[in-house]
Amino acid sequence: MPFAVGVIQTLGFPGVLAAADAMVKGARVTLVYYGLAERGEFIVAIRGATSEVKPAIEAGIEAAKKTPGCAEISYYIVPNPPENLEAVLPIQYTAKVERFI
């Protein structure tokens, strides 16, 4: 089963929190990364089956847009990322971040 990576960038912490919550509740995905992007912008990344990541990202974008004072800046989905991408970016499954089964 091919796995994908989905990323949402928001303006403000409440927006990224709402997006992360909506994504993990909306589909069978794993939250693999969260961090500060720049200038009050935050980023959250999820992994899961390609068919699950797209609806999760859509739910996260909708949640971020509905959060007062926050906005969705950008988003991106990478279907079936190559191994070297996992080696460079913090998107791999670890003991701390186990794959959702």
N, C-alpha and C. Protein backbone atom coordinates (compact mmCIF):
# COMPACT_ATOMS: atom_id res chain seq x y z
N MET A 1 0.84 -1.17 0.00
CA MET A 1 0.00 0.00 0.00
C MET A 1 0.89 1.24 0.00
N PRO A 2 0.70 2.14 -0.97
CA PRO A 2 1.52 3.34 -1.02
C PRO A 2 1.13 4.32 0.09
N PHE A 3 2.14 4.90 0.71
CA PHE A 3 1.93 5.89 1.75
C PHE A 3 2.21 7.27 1.20
N ALA A 4 1.58 8.27 1.80
CA ALA A 4 1.76 9.66 1.38
C ALA A 4 2.10 10.50 2.60
N VAL A 5 2.59 11.70 2.32
CA VAL A 5 2.86 12.70 3.35
C VAL A 5 2.00 13.91 3.01
N GLY A 6 1.33 14.44 4.02
CA GLY A 6 0.55 15.66 3.84
C GLY A 6 1.00 16.70 4.83
N VAL A 7 1.11 17.95 4.38
CA VAL A 7 1.62 19.04 5.21
C VAL A 7 0.67 20.23 5.11
N ILE A 8 0.38 20.85 6.25
CA ILE A 8 -0.40 22.08 6.29
C ILE A 8 0.40 23.12 7.05
N GLN A 9 0.44 24.34 6.52
CA GLN A 9 1.10 25.46 7.19
C GLN A 9 0.02 26.49 7.51
N THR A 10 -0.01 26.95 8.77
CA THR A 10 -1.02 27.91 9.20
C THR A 10 -0.38 29.13 9.84
N LEU A 11 -1.14 30.19 9.89
CA LEU A 11 -0.73 31.38 10.60
C LEU A 11 -1.34 31.29 11.99
N GLY A 12 -0.52 31.15 13.01
CA GLY A 12 -0.99 31.05 14.38
C GLY A 12 -1.10 29.63 14.88
N PHE A 13 -0.83 29.47 16.17
CA PHE A 13 -0.86 28.15 16.78
C PHE A 13 -2.25 27.53 16.84
N PRO A 14 -3.30 28.27 17.19
CA PRO A 14 -4.62 27.64 17.26
C PRO A 14 -5.05 26.99 15.94
N GLY A 15 -4.67 27.58 14.83
CA GLY A 15 -5.02 27.02 13.52
C GLY A 15 -4.35 25.68 13.25
N VAL A 16 -3.08 25.56 13.62
CA VAL A 16 -2.38 24.30 13.39
C VAL A 16 -2.88 23.23 14.36
N LEU A 17 -3.25 23.63 15.56
CA LEU A 17 -3.80 22.68 16.52
C LEU A 17 -5.16 22.16 16.02
N ALA A 18 -6.00 23.05 15.54
CA ALA A 18 -7.30 22.63 15.00
C ALA A 18 -7.12 21.75 13.77
N ALA A 19 -6.16 22.09 12.91
CA ALA A 19 -5.90 21.29 11.71
C ALA A 19 -5.42 19.89 12.08
N ALA A 20 -4.48 19.81 13.02
CA ALA A 20 -3.95 18.51 13.44
C ALA A 20 -5.05 17.65 14.04
N ASP A 21 -5.88 18.25 14.87
CA ASP A 21 -6.98 17.53 15.49
C ASP A 21 -7.95 17.00 14.44
N ALA A 22 -8.32 17.84 13.49
CA ALA A 22 -9.26 17.43 12.45
C ALA A 22 -8.67 16.34 11.55
N MET A 23 -7.38 16.43 11.27
CA MET A 23 -6.75 15.44 10.39
C MET A 23 -6.73 14.06 11.01
N VAL A 24 -6.31 13.96 12.27
CA VAL A 24 -6.22 12.63 12.89
C VAL A 24 -7.58 12.06 13.23
N LYS A 25 -8.59 12.92 13.40
CA LYS A 25 -9.94 12.43 13.65
C LYS A 25 -10.68 12.12 12.35
N GLY A 26 -10.26 12.75 11.25
CA GLY A 26 -10.97 12.62 9.98
C GLY A 26 -10.55 11.45 9.12
N ALA A 27 -9.40 10.84 9.40
CA ALA A 27 -8.91 9.74 8.56
C ALA A 27 -7.89 8.92 9.34
N ARG A 28 -7.53 7.78 8.78
CA ARG A 28 -6.55 6.89 9.41
C ARG A 28 -5.14 7.35 9.05
N VAL A 29 -4.69 8.39 9.73
CA VAL A 29 -3.36 8.95 9.47
C VAL A 29 -2.60 9.09 10.78
N THR A 30 -1.29 9.28 10.68
CA THR A 30 -0.42 9.46 11.84
C THR A 30 0.20 10.84 11.78
N LEU A 31 0.15 11.56 12.88
CA LEU A 31 0.81 12.85 13.00
C LEU A 31 2.29 12.57 13.21
N VAL A 32 3.14 12.97 12.25
CA VAL A 32 4.57 12.65 12.34
C VAL A 32 5.45 13.85 12.65
N TYR A 33 4.95 15.07 12.42
CA TYR A 33 5.79 16.23 12.67
C TYR A 33 4.93 17.44 12.96
N TYR A 34 5.44 18.28 13.85
CA TYR A 34 4.82 19.55 14.15
C TYR A 34 5.95 20.51 14.48
N GLY A 35 5.86 21.74 14.03
CA GLY A 35 6.90 22.69 14.38
C GLY A 35 6.57 24.10 13.94
N LEU A 36 7.43 25.03 14.38
CA LEU A 36 7.33 26.43 14.02
C LEU A 36 8.00 26.62 12.66
N ALA A 37 7.29 27.21 11.72
CA ALA A 37 7.86 27.43 10.39
C ALA A 37 8.65 28.74 10.39
N GLU A 38 7.97 29.85 10.62
CA GLU A 38 8.60 31.16 10.71
C GLU A 38 7.53 32.21 10.97
N ARG A 39 7.90 33.33 11.52
CA ARG A 39 7.02 34.48 11.71
C ARG A 39 5.63 34.14 12.22
N GLY A 40 5.53 33.28 13.20
CA GLY A 40 4.23 32.93 13.74
C GLY A 40 3.47 31.91 12.91
N GLU A 41 4.15 31.32 11.94
CA GLU A 41 3.53 30.29 11.12
C GLU A 41 3.97 28.92 11.63
N PHE A 42 3.04 28.00 11.65
CA PHE A 42 3.30 26.65 12.15
C PHE A 42 3.02 25.64 11.05
N ILE A 43 3.65 24.48 11.19
CA ILE A 43 3.53 23.43 10.19
C ILE A 43 3.22 22.12 10.89
N VAL A 44 2.38 21.30 10.28
CA VAL A 44 2.05 19.99 10.80
C VAL A 44 2.07 19.02 9.63
N ALA A 45 2.65 17.83 9.86
CA ALA A 45 2.76 16.82 8.80
C ALA A 45 2.12 15.52 9.26
N ILE A 46 1.45 14.86 8.34
CA ILE A 46 0.83 13.57 8.61
C ILE A 46 1.29 12.56 7.58
N ARG A 47 1.17 11.28 7.93
CA ARG A 47 1.46 10.19 6.99
C ARG A 47 0.34 9.18 7.07
N GLY A 48 0.16 8.49 5.98
CA GLY A 48 -0.85 7.45 5.93
C GLY A 48 -1.02 6.98 4.51
N ALA A 49 -2.00 6.14 4.32
CA ALA A 49 -2.31 5.67 2.97
C ALA A 49 -2.68 6.88 2.11
N THR A 50 -2.31 6.81 0.86
CA THR A 50 -2.58 7.93 -0.05
C THR A 50 -4.07 8.27 -0.06
N SER A 51 -4.92 7.26 -0.02
CA SER A 51 -6.36 7.49 -0.04
C SER A 51 -6.88 8.11 1.25
N GLU A 52 -6.11 8.07 2.33
CA GLU A 52 -6.52 8.65 3.61
C GLU A 52 -5.96 10.06 3.82
N VAL A 53 -4.81 10.34 3.23
CA VAL A 53 -4.17 11.63 3.46
C VAL A 53 -4.96 12.77 2.83
N LYS A 54 -5.50 12.57 1.64
CA LYS A 54 -6.23 13.65 0.97
C LYS A 54 -7.44 14.11 1.77
N PRO A 55 -8.34 13.22 2.22
CA PRO A 55 -9.46 13.72 3.04
C PRO A 55 -9.02 14.30 4.38
N ALA A 56 -7.93 13.78 4.93
CA ALA A 56 -7.41 14.33 6.19
C ALA A 56 -6.93 15.77 5.99
N ILE A 57 -6.21 16.02 4.92
CA ILE A 57 -5.73 17.37 4.62
C ILE A 57 -6.91 18.31 4.39
N GLU A 58 -7.92 17.84 3.66
CA GLU A 58 -9.10 18.68 3.42
C GLU A 58 -9.79 19.04 4.73
N ALA A 59 -9.89 18.08 5.65
CA ALA A 59 -10.50 18.35 6.96
C ALA A 59 -9.64 19.33 7.75
N GLY A 60 -8.32 19.19 7.68
CA GLY A 60 -7.42 20.09 8.39
C GLY A 60 -7.49 21.51 7.86
N ILE A 61 -7.57 21.66 6.56
CA ILE A 61 -7.68 23.00 5.95
C ILE A 61 -8.98 23.67 6.39
N GLU A 62 -10.06 22.92 6.35
CA GLU A 62 -11.36 23.46 6.75
C GLU A 62 -11.35 23.90 8.22
N ALA A 63 -10.74 23.08 9.07
CA ALA A 63 -10.66 23.42 10.50
C ALA A 63 -9.81 24.66 10.73
N ALA A 64 -8.70 24.78 10.01
CA ALA A 64 -7.83 25.96 10.17
C ALA A 64 -8.56 27.23 9.72
N LYS A 65 -9.31 27.14 8.63
CA LYS A 65 -10.04 28.31 8.13
C LYS A 65 -11.13 28.76 9.10
N LYS A 66 -11.71 27.83 9.84
CA LYS A 66 -12.78 28.16 10.77
C LYS A 66 -12.27 28.66 12.12
N THR A 67 -10.96 28.56 12.36
CA THR A 67 -10.40 28.99 13.64
C THR A 67 -10.24 30.51 13.63
N PRO A 68 -10.85 31.20 14.61
CA PRO A 68 -10.76 32.66 14.65
C PRO A 68 -9.32 33.16 14.76
N GLY A 69 -8.99 34.15 13.95
CA GLY A 69 -7.67 34.76 13.99
C GLY A 69 -6.57 33.97 13.31
N CYS A 70 -6.90 32.86 12.69
CA CYS A 70 -5.90 32.02 12.04
C CYS A 70 -6.24 31.85 10.57
N ALA A 71 -5.27 31.42 9.81
CA ALA A 71 -5.49 31.19 8.38
C ALA A 71 -4.60 30.07 7.90
N GLU A 72 -5.07 29.33 6.92
CA GLU A 72 -4.26 28.31 6.26
C GLU A 72 -3.38 29.03 5.25
N ILE A 73 -2.07 28.84 5.35
CA ILE A 73 -1.12 29.50 4.45
C ILE A 73 -0.90 28.66 3.20
N SER A 74 -0.56 27.39 3.42
CA SER A 74 -0.33 26.50 2.28
C SER A 74 -0.48 25.06 2.73
N TYR A 75 -0.56 24.18 1.76
CA TYR A 75 -0.62 22.74 2.04
C TYR A 75 -0.02 22.01 0.85
N TYR A 76 0.38 20.78 1.10
CA TYR A 76 0.95 19.98 0.02
C TYR A 76 0.83 18.50 0.37
N ILE A 77 0.60 17.68 -0.63
CA ILE A 77 0.55 16.23 -0.46
C ILE A 77 1.59 15.60 -1.37
N VAL A 78 2.43 14.73 -0.80
CA VAL A 78 3.43 14.00 -1.56
C VAL A 78 3.04 12.52 -1.55
N PRO A 79 2.47 12.02 -2.66
CA PRO A 79 2.14 10.60 -2.68
C PRO A 79 3.38 9.75 -2.87
N ASN A 80 3.50 8.69 -2.07
CA ASN A 80 4.59 7.73 -2.18
C ASN A 80 5.97 8.40 -2.20
N PRO A 81 6.37 9.07 -1.12
CA PRO A 81 7.66 9.77 -1.10
C PRO A 81 8.83 8.78 -1.18
N PRO A 82 9.91 9.17 -1.86
CA PRO A 82 11.07 8.28 -1.95
C PRO A 82 11.79 8.15 -0.61
N GLU A 83 12.59 7.09 -0.47
CA GLU A 83 13.30 6.82 0.78
C GLU A 83 14.25 7.94 1.17
N ASN A 84 14.89 8.57 0.19
CA ASN A 84 15.84 9.63 0.54
C ASN A 84 15.13 10.85 1.13
N LEU A 85 13.87 11.04 0.82
CA LEU A 85 13.10 12.12 1.44
C LEU A 85 12.89 11.84 2.92
N GLU A 86 12.61 10.59 3.25
CA GLU A 86 12.46 10.19 4.64
C GLU A 86 13.76 10.33 5.41
N ALA A 87 14.87 10.11 4.75
CA ALA A 87 16.17 10.20 5.42
C ALA A 87 16.54 11.65 5.76
N VAL A 88 16.05 12.60 4.99
CA VAL A 88 16.42 14.00 5.17
C VAL A 88 15.41 14.76 6.04
N LEU A 89 14.13 14.50 5.84
CA LEU A 89 13.09 15.22 6.57
C LEU A 89 12.57 14.40 7.74
N PRO A 90 12.07 15.04 8.78
CA PRO A 90 11.57 14.31 9.96
C PRO A 90 10.15 13.79 9.75
N ILE A 91 9.96 12.90 8.78
CA ILE A 91 8.61 12.40 8.47
C ILE A 91 8.52 10.89 8.61
N GLN A 92 9.56 10.24 9.09
CA GLN A 92 9.54 8.78 9.18
C GLN A 92 8.82 8.33 10.45
N TYR A 93 8.37 7.09 10.40
CA TYR A 93 7.76 6.49 11.59
C TYR A 93 8.89 6.10 12.55
N THR A 94 8.69 6.37 13.84
CA THR A 94 9.68 6.03 14.86
C THR A 94 8.96 5.32 16.01
N ALA A 95 9.71 4.95 17.04
CA ALA A 95 9.09 4.35 18.21
C ALA A 95 8.16 5.35 18.89
N LYS A 96 8.52 6.63 18.83
CA LYS A 96 7.70 7.68 19.43
C LYS A 96 6.48 7.98 18.57
N VAL A 97 6.64 7.87 17.25
CA VAL A 97 5.56 8.13 16.29
C VAL A 97 5.30 6.84 15.52
N GLU A 98 4.44 6.00 16.06
CA GLU A 98 4.15 4.73 15.42
C GLU A 98 3.07 4.88 14.36
N ARG A 99 3.14 4.06 13.36
CA ARG A 99 2.17 4.08 12.27
C ARG A 99 0.79 3.71 12.78
N PHE A 100 -0.23 4.44 12.33
CA PHE A 100 -1.61 4.13 12.67
C PHE A 100 -2.02 2.87 11.93
N ILE A 101 -2.51 1.88 12.65
CA ILE A 101 -2.90 0.63 12.01
C ILE A 101 -4.39 0.44 12.08
